[in-house]
C-alpha atoms as a PDB file:
ATOM      1  CA  MET A   1     167.406  90.800 216.231  1.00  0.00           C
ATOM      2  CA  LYS A   2     166.277  93.883 214.171  1.00  0.00           C
ATOM      3  CA  VAL A   3     165.192  97.281 215.520  1.00  0.00           C
ATOM      4  CA  LEU A   4     162.325  99.015 213.958  1.00  0.00           C
ATOM      5  CA  VAL A   5     161.880 102.670 214.871  1.00  0.00           C
ATOM      6  CA  VAL A   6     158.533 104.335 214.194  1.00  0.00           C
ATOM      7  CA  LEU A   7     158.249 108.018 213.898  1.00  0.00           C
ATOM      8  CA  PRO A   8     154.919 109.767 213.443  1.00  0.00           C
ATOM      9  CA  ALA A   9     155.897 113.182 211.936  1.00  0.00           C
ATOM     10  CA  TYR A  10     153.658 116.114 211.137  1.00  0.00           C
ATOM     11  CA  ASN A  11     155.287 119.482 210.095  1.00  0.00           C
ATOM     12  CA  GLU A  12     158.749 118.567 211.417  1.00  0.00           C
ATOM     13  CA  GLU A  13     160.908 119.784 208.587  1.00  0.00           C
ATOM     14  CA  GLN A  14     163.202 121.521 210.885  1.00  0.00           C
ATOM     15  CA  ALA A  15     163.553 118.945 213.701  1.00  0.00           C
ATOM     16  CA  LEU A  16     163.528 115.651 211.668  1.00  0.00           C
ATOM     17  CA  PRO A  17     167.011 115.765 210.166  1.00  0.00           C
ATOM     18  CA  HIS A  18     168.484 116.268 213.612  1.00  0.00           C
ATOM     19  CA  LEU A  19     166.577 113.249 215.053  1.00  0.00           C
ATOM     20  CA  LEU A  20     167.268 111.031 211.906  1.00  0.00           C
ATOM     21  CA  ASP A  21     171.090 112.011 212.141  1.00  0.00           C
ATOM     22  CA  ALA A  22     171.220 111.007 215.769  1.00  0.00           C
ATOM     23  CA  LEU A  23     169.323 107.748 215.328  1.00  0.00           C
ATOM     24  CA  ILE A  24     171.503 106.687 212.377  1.00  0.00           C
ATOM     25  CA  GLU A  25     174.625 107.538 214.402  1.00  0.00           C
ATOM     26  CA  ASN A  26     173.690 105.697 217.610  1.00  0.00           C
ATOM     27  CA  LEU A  27     172.177 102.594 215.974  1.00  0.00           C
ATOM     28  CA  SER A  28     175.046 102.383 213.421  1.00  0.00           C
ATOM     29  CA  GLU A  29     177.739 102.700 216.100  1.00  0.00           C
ATOM     30  CA  GLU A  30     176.178  99.821 217.969  1.00  0.00           C
ATOM     31  CA  GLN A  31     175.986  97.884 214.698  1.00  0.00           C
ATOM     32  CA  LYS A  32     172.363  97.344 215.056  1.00  0.00           C
ATOM     33  CA  ASP A  33     170.334  96.016 212.270  1.00  0.00           C
ATOM     34  CA  TYR A  34     167.769  98.686 212.136  1.00  0.00           C
ATOM     35  CA  SER A  35     165.022 100.139 209.992  1.00  0.00           C
ATOM     36  CA  ILE A  36     163.278 103.479 210.461  1.00  0.00           C
ATOM     37  CA  ILE A  37     159.617 103.951 209.520  1.00  0.00           C
ATOM     38  CA  VAL A  38     158.617 107.625 209.171  1.00  0.00           C
ATOM     39  CA  VAL A  39     154.746 108.065 208.876  1.00  0.00           C
ATOM     40  CA  ASN A  40     154.425 111.657 207.265  1.00  0.00           C
ATOM     41  CA  ASP A  41     150.842 112.497 208.617  1.00  0.00           C
ATOM     42  CA  GLY A  42     149.979 114.921 205.759  1.00  0.00           C
ATOM     43  CA  SER A  43     152.482 117.597 206.617  1.00  0.00           C
ATOM     44  CA  SER A  44     152.063 120.971 204.893  1.00  0.00           C
ATOM     45  CA  ASP A  45     155.781 121.809 205.022  1.00  0.00           C
ATOM     46  CA  LEU A  46     158.835 119.892 203.666  1.00  0.00           C
ATOM     47  CA  THR A  47     158.623 116.883 206.069  1.00  0.00           C
ATOM     48  CA  GLY A  48     157.814 114.356 203.461  1.00  0.00           C
ATOM     49  CA  LYS A  49     160.503 115.608 201.090  1.00  0.00           C
ATOM     50  CA  VAL A  50     163.111 115.500 204.013  1.00  0.00           C
ATOM     51  CA  ALA A  51     162.087 112.042 204.891  1.00  0.00           C
ATOM     52  CA  ASP A  52     162.211 110.758 201.296  1.00  0.00           C
ATOM     53  CA  SER A  53     165.789 112.200 200.823  1.00  0.00           C
ATOM     54  CA  TYR A  54     167.054 110.260 203.941  1.00  0.00           C
ATOM     55  CA  ALA A  55     165.223 107.192 202.689  1.00  0.00           C
ATOM     56  CA  ALA A  56     167.477 107.287 199.544  1.00  0.00           C
ATOM     57  CA  ARG A  57     170.603 106.955 201.566  1.00  0.00           C
ATOM     58  CA  HIS A  58     169.553 105.067 204.725  1.00  0.00           C
ATOM     59  CA  PRO A  59     167.485 102.106 205.752  1.00  0.00           C
ATOM     60  CA  ILE A  60     164.559 104.295 206.069  1.00  0.00           C
ATOM     61  CA  SER A  61     161.173 104.068 204.512  1.00  0.00           C
ATOM     62  CA  VAL A  62     158.464 106.718 204.419  1.00  0.00           C
ATOM     63  CA  LEU A  63     154.631 106.249 204.463  1.00  0.00           C
ATOM     64  CA  HIS A  64     152.626 109.132 203.424  1.00  0.00           C
ATOM     65  CA  ASN A  65     149.049 110.045 204.647  1.00  0.00           C
ATOM     66  CA  GLU A  66     147.329 111.882 202.090  1.00  0.00           C
ATOM     67  CA  SER A  67     145.751 114.255 204.830  1.00  0.00           C
ATOM     68  CA  ASN A  68     146.495 115.102 208.404  1.00  0.00           C
ATOM     69  CA  LYS A  69     144.820 112.101 210.224  1.00  0.00           C
ATOM     70  CA  GLY A  70     146.141 112.754 213.763  1.00  0.00           C
ATOM     71  CA  LEU A  71     148.641 110.904 216.252  1.00  0.00           C
ATOM     72  CA  ALA A  72     146.505 107.843 216.896  1.00  0.00           C
ATOM     73  CA  GLU A  73     145.799 106.990 213.189  1.00  0.00           C
ATOM     74  CA  THR A  74     149.547 107.671 212.359  1.00  0.00           C
ATOM     75  CA  MET A  75     150.819 105.661 215.193  1.00  0.00           C
ATOM     76  CA  ARG A  76     148.423 102.860 214.214  1.00  0.00           C
ATOM     77  CA  ARG A  77     149.678 102.746 210.748  1.00  0.00           C
ATOM     78  CA  GLY A  78     153.353 102.963 211.828  1.00  0.00           C
ATOM     79  CA  LEU A  79     152.988 100.208 214.337  1.00  0.00           C
ATOM     80  CA  MET A  80     151.082  97.867 211.977  1.00  0.00           C
ATOM     81  CA  GLU A  81     153.839  98.442 209.393  1.00  0.00           C
ATOM     82  CA  ALA A  82     156.603  97.623 211.854  1.00  0.00           C
ATOM     83  CA  VAL A  83     154.772  94.533 213.088  1.00  0.00           C
ATOM     84  CA  SER A  84     154.179  93.301 209.540  1.00  0.00           C
ATOM     85  CA  ARG A  85     158.080  93.492 209.000  1.00  0.00           C
ATOM     86  CA  SER A  86     159.152  92.095 212.288  1.00  0.00           C
ATOM     87  CA  GLY A  87     160.119  88.662 213.719  1.00  0.00           C
ATOM     88  CA  PRO A  88     159.468  87.359 217.266  1.00  0.00           C
ATOM     89  CA  LYS A  89     162.930  88.555 218.510  1.00  0.00           C
ATOM     90  CA  ASP A  90     162.709  92.016 217.150  1.00  0.00           C
ATOM     91  CA  ILE A  91     162.225  95.239 219.068  1.00  0.00           C
ATOM     92  CA  ILE A  92     159.894  98.290 218.079  1.00  0.00           C
ATOM     93  CA  VAL A  93     160.697 101.667 219.308  1.00  0.00           C
ATOM     94  CA  THR A  94     158.269 104.574 219.051  1.00  0.00           C
ATOM     95  CA  MET A  95     159.401 108.200 219.620  1.00  0.00           C
ATOM     96  CA  ASP A  96     158.401 111.791 218.726  1.00  0.00           C
ATOM     97  CA  ALA A  97     159.767 113.273 215.644  1.00  0.00           C
ATOM     98  CA  ASP A  98     160.269 116.785 217.077  1.00  0.00           C
ATOM     99  CA  ASN A  99     163.844 116.156 218.447  1.00  0.00           C
ATOM    100  CA  THR A 100     162.582 116.196 222.093  1.00  0.00           C
ATOM    101  CA  HIS A 101     163.436 112.577 222.715  1.00  0.00           C
ATOM    102  CA  PRO A 102     167.260 111.798 222.907  1.00  0.00           C
ATOM    103  CA  ALA A 103     168.093 109.183 220.429  1.00  0.00           C
ATOM    104  CA  GLY A 104     170.869 107.572 222.469  1.00  0.00           C
ATOM    105  CA  LEU A 105     168.472 106.574 225.193  1.00  0.00           C
ATOM    106  CA  ALA A 106     167.045 104.028 222.615  1.00  0.00           C
ATOM    107  CA  LEU A 107     170.031 101.828 223.115  1.00  0.00           C
ATOM    108  CA  ARG A 108     169.377 101.513 226.773  1.00  0.00           C
ATOM    109  CA  MET A 109     165.613 100.719 226.251  1.00  0.00           C
ATOM    110  CA  ILE A 110     166.749  97.999 223.688  1.00  0.00           C
ATOM    111  CA  ARG A 111     169.093  96.510 226.128  1.00  0.00           C
ATOM    112  CA  SER A 112     166.206  96.555 228.796  1.00  0.00           C
ATOM    113  CA  ILE A 113     164.036  94.554 226.397  1.00  0.00           C
ATOM    114  CA  ARG A 114     166.665  92.067 225.841  1.00  0.00           C
ATOM    115  CA  GLU A 115     167.070  91.714 229.457  1.00  0.00           C
ATOM    116  CA  GLY A 116     163.546  90.241 229.668  1.00  0.00           C
ATOM    117  CA  ASN A 117     161.026  93.280 229.639  1.00  0.00           C
ATOM    118  CA  ASP A 118     158.243  93.352 227.171  1.00  0.00           C
ATOM    119  CA  VAL A 119     157.743  97.241 227.408  1.00  0.00           C
ATOM    120  CA  VAL A 120     160.160  99.790 228.258  1.00  0.00           C
ATOM    121  CA  ILE A 121     159.021 103.579 228.708  1.00  0.00           C
ATOM    122  CA  ALA A 122     161.238 106.515 228.804  1.00  0.00           C
ATOM    123  CA  SER A 123     159.866 108.204 231.984  1.00  0.00           C
ATOM    124  CA  ARG A 124     159.689 111.601 233.380  1.00  0.00           C
ATOM    125  CA  TYR A 125     159.059 110.436 236.848  1.00  0.00           C
ATOM    126  CA  ARG A 126     162.170 108.392 237.680  1.00  0.00           C
ATOM    127  CA  GLU A 127     165.269 109.411 239.502  1.00  0.00           C
ATOM    128  CA  GLY A 128     167.551 110.963 237.041  1.00  0.00           C
ATOM    129  CA  SER A 129     164.794 112.407 234.639  1.00  0.00           C
ATOM    130  CA  GLN A 130     164.782 116.002 233.672  1.00  0.00           C
ATOM    131  CA  VAL A 131     162.166 118.161 231.834  1.00  0.00           C
ATOM    132  CA  ARG A 132     163.428 121.203 229.982  1.00  0.00           C
ATOM    133  CA  GLY A 133     161.298 123.871 228.227  1.00  0.00           C
ATOM    134  CA  VAL A 134     157.973 122.648 229.392  1.00  0.00           C
ATOM    135  CA  SER A 135     155.450 124.924 231.064  1.00  0.00           C
ATOM    136  CA  PHE A 136     154.416 124.590 234.593  1.00  0.00           C
ATOM    137  CA  VAL A 137     150.738 123.867 233.543  1.00  0.00           C
ATOM    138  CA  ARG A 138     151.827 121.123 230.992  1.00  0.00           C
ATOM    139  CA  ARG A 139     153.993 119.544 233.767  1.00  0.00           C
ATOM    140  CA  LEU A 140     151.162 119.783 236.402  1.00  0.00           C
ATOM    141  CA  LEU A 141     148.699 118.136 234.093  1.00  0.00           C
ATOM    142  CA  SER A 142     151.050 115.319 233.032  1.00  0.00           C
ATOM    143  CA  ARG A 143     151.652 114.549 236.815  1.00  0.00           C
ATOM    144  CA  ALA A 144     147.885 114.542 237.462  1.00  0.00           C
ATOM    145  CA  ALA A 145     147.307 112.105 234.641  1.00  0.00           C
ATOM    146  CA  SER A 146     150.113 109.918 235.959  1.00  0.00           C
ATOM    147  CA  LEU A 147     148.544 109.815 239.444  1.00  0.00           C
ATOM    148  CA  LEU A 148     144.991 109.105 238.167  1.00  0.00           C
ATOM    149  CA  PHE A 149     146.011 106.169 236.145  1.00  0.00           C
ATOM    150  CA  ARG A 150     148.379 104.824 238.914  1.00  0.00           C
ATOM    151  CA  VAL A 151     145.386 104.921 241.257  1.00  0.00           C
ATOM    152  CA  PHE A 152     142.800 103.350 238.981  1.00  0.00           C
ATOM    153  CA  PHE A 153     144.903 101.280 236.662  1.00  0.00           C
ATOM    154  CA  PRO A 154     148.269 100.557 238.512  1.00  0.00           C
ATOM    155  CA  ILE A 155     150.728  98.800 236.348  1.00  0.00           C
ATOM    156  CA  ARG A 156     153.825  97.469 238.228  1.00  0.00           C
ATOM    157  CA  GLY A 157     156.856  99.252 236.908  1.00  0.00           C
ATOM    158  CA  VAL A 158     154.962 102.377 235.475  1.00  0.00           C
ATOM    159  CA  ARG A 159     154.728 105.737 236.367  1.00  0.00           C
ATOM    160  CA  ASP A 160     154.654 107.555 232.994  1.00  0.00           C
ATOM    161  CA  TYR A 161     151.436 106.509 231.131  1.00  0.00           C
ATOM    162  CA  THR A 162     151.658 109.213 228.430  1.00  0.00           C
ATOM    163  CA  CYS A 163     155.142 109.452 227.115  1.00  0.00           C
ATOM    164  CA  GLY A 164     155.213 108.145 223.637  1.00  0.00           C
ATOM    165  CA  TYR A 165     159.083 107.149 223.690  1.00  0.00           C
ATOM    166  CA  ARG A 166     158.798 103.462 224.207  1.00  0.00           C
ATOM    167  CA  ALA A 167     160.377 100.130 223.269  1.00  0.00           C
ATOM    168  CA  TYR A 168     158.150  97.094 222.618  1.00  0.00           C
ATOM    169  CA  ARG A 169     158.984  93.339 222.151  1.00  0.00           C
ATOM    170  CA  ALA A 170     157.613  93.099 218.679  1.00  0.00           C
ATOM    171  CA  GLU A 171     155.999  89.616 219.679  1.00  0.00           C
ATOM    172  CA  ILE A 172     153.647  91.366 222.216  1.00  0.00           C
ATOM    173  CA  THR A 173     152.759  94.121 220.047  1.00  0.00           C
ATOM    174  CA  LYS A 174     151.895  91.672 217.380  1.00  0.00           C
ATOM    175  CA  SER A 175     149.576  89.733 219.694  1.00  0.00           C
ATOM    176  CA  LEU A 176     147.592  92.963 220.266  1.00  0.00           C
ATOM    177  CA  ILE A 177     146.971  93.440 216.593  1.00  0.00           C
ATOM    178  CA  GLU A 178     146.011  89.844 216.069  1.00  0.00           C
ATOM    179  CA  GLN A 179     143.484  90.164 218.880  1.00  0.00           C
ATOM    180  CA  TYR A 180     142.098  93.701 218.182  1.00  0.00           C
ATOM    181  CA  GLY A 181     142.792  94.394 214.572  1.00  0.00           C
ATOM    182  CA  PRO A 182     143.156  98.130 213.783  1.00  0.00           C
ATOM    183  CA  GLU A 183     141.198  98.710 216.994  1.00  0.00           C
ATOM    184  CA  PHE A 184     144.160  97.877 219.070  1.00  0.00           C
ATOM    185  CA  ILE A 185     144.305 101.550 219.244  1.00  0.00           C
ATOM    186  CA  SER A 186     140.712 102.686 219.837  1.00  0.00           C
ATOM    187  CA  GLU A 187     141.366 106.382 221.051  1.00  0.00           C
ATOM    188  CA  ARG A 188     142.007 109.497 219.149  1.00  0.00           C
ATOM    189  CA  GLY A 189     144.844 112.082 219.695  1.00  0.00           C
ATOM    190  CA  PHE A 190     147.479 111.808 222.192  1.00  0.00           C
ATOM    191  CA  SER A 191     145.556 109.555 224.708  1.00  0.00           C
ATOM    192  CA  CYS A 192     146.306 106.772 222.140  1.00  0.00           C
ATOM    193  CA  MET A 193     149.605 106.157 224.068  1.00  0.00           C
ATOM    194  CA  ILE A 194     147.523 105.437 227.245  1.00  0.00           C
ATOM    195  CA  ASP A 195     145.254 103.191 225.213  1.00  0.00           C
ATOM    196  CA  ILE A 196     148.129 101.050 224.042  1.00  0.00           C
ATOM    197  CA  LEU A 197     149.381 100.782 227.595  1.00  0.00           C
ATOM    198  CA  LEU A 198     146.190  99.660 229.081  1.00  0.00           C
ATOM    199  CA  ARG A 199     145.872  96.982 226.308  1.00  0.00           C
ATOM    200  CA  LEU A 200     149.118  95.617 227.366  1.00  0.00           C
ATOM    201  CA  ARG A 201     148.166  95.769 230.927  1.00  0.00           C
ATOM    202  CA  GLU A 202     145.428  93.261 230.134  1.00  0.00           C
ATOM    203  CA  ARG A 203     148.037  90.913 228.740  1.00  0.00           C
ATOM    204  CA  ASP A 204     150.181  90.883 231.815  1.00  0.00           C
ATOM    205  CA  ALA A 205     153.160  92.192 229.989  1.00  0.00           C
ATOM    206  CA  VAL A 206     156.351  92.977 231.940  1.00  0.00           C
ATOM    207  CA  PHE A 207     157.091  96.665 232.097  1.00  0.00           C
ATOM    208  CA  ALA A 208     160.074  98.823 233.031  1.00  0.00           C
ATOM    209  CA  GLU A 209     161.199 102.482 232.901  1.00  0.00           C
ATOM    210  CA  VAL A 210     164.263 104.331 232.280  1.00  0.00           C
ATOM    211  CA  PRO A 211     164.810 108.189 233.132  1.00  0.00           C
ATOM    212  CA  LEU A 212     164.146 110.448 230.312  1.00  0.00           C
ATOM    213  CA  VAL A 213     165.867 113.843 229.722  1.00  0.00           C
ATOM    214  CA  LEU A 214     162.996 115.666 227.850  1.00  0.00           C
ATOM    215  CA  ARG A 215     164.265 118.533 225.948  1.00  0.00           C
ATOM    216  CA  TYR A 216     161.411 120.658 224.816  1.00  0.00           C
ATOM    217  CA  ASP A 217     163.843 123.559 224.684  1.00  0.00           C
ATOM    218  CA  LEU A 218     165.442 121.945 221.516  1.00  0.00           C
ATOM    219  CA  LYS A 219     162.167 121.660 219.861  1.00  0.00           C
ATOM    220  CA  PRO A 220     161.680 124.155 216.802  1.00  0.00           C
ATOM    221  CA  GLY A 221     158.319 125.480 216.577  1.00  0.00           C
ATOM    222  CA  ARG A 222     155.176 125.002 218.791  1.00  0.00           C
ATOM    223  CA  THR A 223     153.696 121.829 220.313  1.00  0.00           C
ATOM    224  CA  LYS A 224     151.088 119.961 218.156  1.00  0.00           C
ATOM    225  CA  MET A 225     149.208 118.980 221.265  1.00  0.00           C
ATOM    226  CA  ARG A 226     145.971 120.661 222.095  1.00  0.00           C
ATOM    227  CA  VAL A 227     145.713 120.837 225.899  1.00  0.00           C
ATOM    228  CA  LEU A 228     142.021 121.038 226.549  1.00  0.00           C
ATOM    229  CA  PRO A 229     141.050 118.257 224.051  1.00  0.00           C
ATOM    230  CA  THR A 230     143.729 116.143 225.338  1.00  0.00           C
ATOM    231  CA  ILE A 231     142.508 116.388 228.925  1.00  0.00           C
ATOM    232  CA  PHE A 232     139.040 115.578 227.767  1.00  0.00           C
ATOM    233  CA  ASP A 233     140.045 112.508 225.864  1.00  0.00           C
ATOM    234  CA  THR A 234     142.218 111.272 228.638  1.00  0.00           C
ATOM    235  CA  LEU A 235     139.460 111.697 231.316  1.00  0.00           C
ATOM    236  CA  LYS A 236     137.052 109.975 228.921  1.00  0.00           C
ATOM    237  CA  LEU A 237     139.374 107.083 228.412  1.00  0.00           C
ATOM    238  CA  LEU A 238     139.868 106.532 232.216  1.00  0.00           C
ATOM    239  CA  ILE A 239     136.083 106.722 232.896  1.00  0.00           C
ATOM    240  CA  THR A 240     135.189 104.332 229.978  1.00  0.00           C
ATOM    241  CA  ARG A 241     137.840 101.908 230.981  1.00  0.00           C
ATOM    242  CA  ARG A 242     136.872 101.998 234.655  1.00  0.00           C
ATOM    243  CA  LEU A 243     133.315 101.533 233.965  1.00  0.00           C
ATOM    244  CA  THR A 244     134.131  98.571 231.615  1.00  0.00           C
ATOM    245  CA  LYS A 245     136.279  97.016 234.274  1.00  0.00           C
ATOM    246  CA  SER A 246     133.522  97.349 236.951  1.00  0.00           C
ATOM    247  CA  LYS A 247     130.922  95.443 234.812  1.00  0.00           C
END
């Protein structure tokens, strides 16, 4: 079994070394066969050079977007690359590159996949979760999105529809790409994470969650998420999928 970690990265020269060091330490201590795929999304800082320097010393590969294409395109490229390298028993982990997701939690998520789940989400809405450094407005919006999708698109075992810190059984991710091609992610921006989840819901995947300690107080620099466009994209996705379902 191999673990492939996909890291979409845009202007994360400060945060990326901390995250890569933590991932390497945790995966090496557990003696995991692993590979990290950094997708540098046209960063204007030294993110690409930092990633390349790690790739020279560790099982890390770096894909460079020539320009900034956004999270959806970057996640698509990273997941397709991971699937192309994976076998049926492998596990794909996605997480943010800004050092807000604790690397050690990936080990628990990997174990949960090996216990029989297809998708494991690091959730902000489970007992034991904590959120540090996120504004009240952002937390309120996230909870509202969670409630809306739990009402209109309930998924057993899922409360957090938007968090990008996930582990996937490689086989089920591959089946999405085989069915939809590059359109397995059809949304833009941050709503792409919900898009993936709804695709997997159609496949009757087995979902589970583990509590997440989200550390935005450790994040250098400002968030890349634009709140109003993200709200618009999320509502559009909900309405579009709901209308499609009702036909």
